[in-house]
Amino acid sequence: MGVIRLLHMSAEELEMRRTQPMDDYLVWSHERAAWWRSGPGGYTRQIIDAGRYSRDAALEICVKAVPGETAQRLGVLPELPVRLADLEAIMRAAEKGKGGGR
C-alpha cells in the first residue's frame, strides 16, 4: 500500500488495518503435494509461484475440500491454509540454524 493511500485513509480505516492485519495465506494441497496457484492456475511446488489469499479465502478453499474422498483416503485435511509470515519465519530460523530438526 502506498504512502499516498495511507494519507487518505480515515482514522477508522487506519485503526482497522492496525488491529486486523491483512496477512497473506498460501494453500497446501496434500493430494497434489503442491501449493495452489492463484486463480485457475493449477498447482506449483515453488513457494514463489504459489497464490496469495486472504485468510477468509484460504479457509473457504480448505473447508470446501473437506467432504471428499481425498480426506478419507489420505486421513488428513486435503487442503491446508498456511500463513505466509509463519512460513517465512520458519525459513529464516532454518537458515540461521535454529530450526532444531527432529
Protein backbone atom coordinates (compact mmCIF):
# COMPACT_ATOMS: atom_id res chain seq x y z
CA MET A 1 0.00 0.00 0.00
CA GLY A 2 1.39 3.37 -0.97
CA VAL A 3 2.04 6.33 1.31
CA ILE A 4 -0.50 8.47 -0.56
CA ARG A 5 -3.24 5.90 0.06
CA LEU A 6 -2.33 5.79 3.77
CA LEU A 7 -2.59 9.58 3.96
CA HIS A 8 -6.14 9.46 2.59
CA MET A 9 -7.41 6.70 4.87
CA SER A 10 -9.85 7.64 7.60
CA ALA A 11 -8.96 7.12 11.25
CA GLU A 12 -11.38 4.15 11.29
CA GLU A 13 -9.67 2.54 8.29
CA LEU A 14 -6.24 3.03 9.84
CA GLU A 15 -7.37 1.53 13.16
CA MET A 16 -8.95 -1.47 11.41
CA ARG A 17 -5.77 -2.03 9.43
CA ARG A 18 -3.68 -1.82 12.61
CA THR A 19 -5.86 -4.21 14.62
CA GLN A 20 -6.66 -6.62 11.79
CA PRO A 21 -3.51 -7.18 9.74
CA MET A 22 -4.03 -8.36 6.21
CA ASP A 23 -1.89 -11.48 6.27
CA ASP A 24 -1.34 -13.45 3.12
CA TYR A 25 -2.03 -17.16 3.18
CA LEU A 26 -0.96 -19.96 0.88
CA VAL A 27 -2.92 -23.18 0.43
CA TRP A 28 -1.07 -26.51 0.54
CA SER A 29 -2.69 -29.45 -1.27
CA HIS A 30 -1.88 -32.80 0.35
CA GLU A 31 -3.40 -34.60 -2.62
CA ARG A 32 -1.17 -32.81 -5.17
CA ALA A 33 1.80 -32.31 -2.80
CA ALA A 34 1.95 -28.75 -4.08
CA TRP A 35 0.82 -25.18 -3.39
CA TRP A 36 -2.29 -23.74 -5.01
CA ARG A 37 -1.58 -21.09 -7.63
CA SER A 38 -3.83 -18.03 -7.74
CA GLY A 39 -6.97 -18.14 -9.85
CA PRO A 40 -7.37 -21.12 -12.15
CA GLY A 41 -3.60 -21.55 -12.33
CA GLY A 42 -3.34 -25.10 -11.00
CA TYR A 43 -0.56 -26.08 -8.59
CA THR A 44 3.13 -25.42 -8.06
CA ARG A 45 5.88 -26.81 -5.86
CA GLN A 46 7.59 -23.41 -5.73
CA ILE A 47 6.53 -21.09 -2.88
CA ILE A 48 7.36 -18.05 -5.00
CA ASP A 49 4.74 -19.16 -7.56
CA ALA A 50 2.06 -20.02 -5.00
CA GLY A 51 -1.11 -17.94 -4.90
CA ARG A 52 -1.61 -15.44 -2.10
CA TYR A 53 -5.00 -15.48 -0.42
CA SER A 54 -6.73 -13.63 2.38
CA ARG A 55 -7.34 -15.73 5.48
CA ASP A 56 -11.05 -15.97 4.67
CA ALA A 57 -10.41 -17.06 1.08
CA ALA A 58 -7.85 -19.69 2.17
CA LEU A 59 -10.23 -21.08 4.79
CA GLU A 60 -13.06 -21.21 2.25
CA ILE A 61 -10.89 -23.25 -0.14
CA CYS A 62 -9.93 -25.64 2.65
CA VAL A 63 -13.46 -26.05 4.02
CA LYS A 64 -14.82 -26.88 0.55
CA ALA A 65 -12.20 -29.62 0.18
CA VAL A 66 -13.05 -31.49 3.41
CA PRO A 67 -16.16 -33.52 2.46
CA GLY A 68 -14.48 -35.52 -0.27
CA GLU A 69 -12.90 -38.88 -0.85
CA THR A 70 -9.45 -37.35 -0.56
CA ALA A 71 -9.91 -36.61 3.14
CA GLN A 72 -10.98 -40.19 3.80
CA ARG A 73 -8.28 -41.70 1.60
CA LEU A 74 -5.41 -39.62 2.95
CA GLY A 75 -6.66 -39.45 6.53
CA VAL A 76 -5.72 -35.75 6.61
CA LEU A 77 -7.23 -32.45 5.58
CA PRO A 78 -6.90 -32.34 1.80
CA GLU A 79 -6.02 -28.64 1.73
CA LEU A 80 -4.29 -26.72 4.49
CA PRO A 81 -4.03 -22.90 4.94
CA VAL A 82 -0.50 -21.70 5.72
CA ARG A 83 0.18 -18.14 6.87
CA LEU A 84 2.95 -16.74 4.70
CA ALA A 85 4.52 -14.80 7.59
CA ASP A 86 4.82 -18.05 9.60
CA LEU A 87 6.35 -19.88 6.67
CA GLU A 88 8.87 -17.06 6.18
CA ALA A 89 9.75 -17.14 9.92
CA ILE A 90 10.38 -20.89 9.73
CA MET A 91 12.60 -20.45 6.69
CA ARG A 92 14.60 -17.62 8.34
CA ALA A 93 15.09 -19.69 11.51
CA ALA A 94 16.18 -22.72 9.48
CA GLU A 95 18.72 -20.58 7.59
CA LYS A 96 20.16 -19.39 10.89
CA GLY A 97 20.43 -22.97 12.16
CA LYS A 98 17.71 -22.53 14.77
CA GLY A 99 15.28 -25.00 13.20
CA GLY A 100 16.22 -27.69 15.69
CA GLY A 101 15.13 -30.56 13.46
CA ARG A 102 13.57 -33.69 14.87
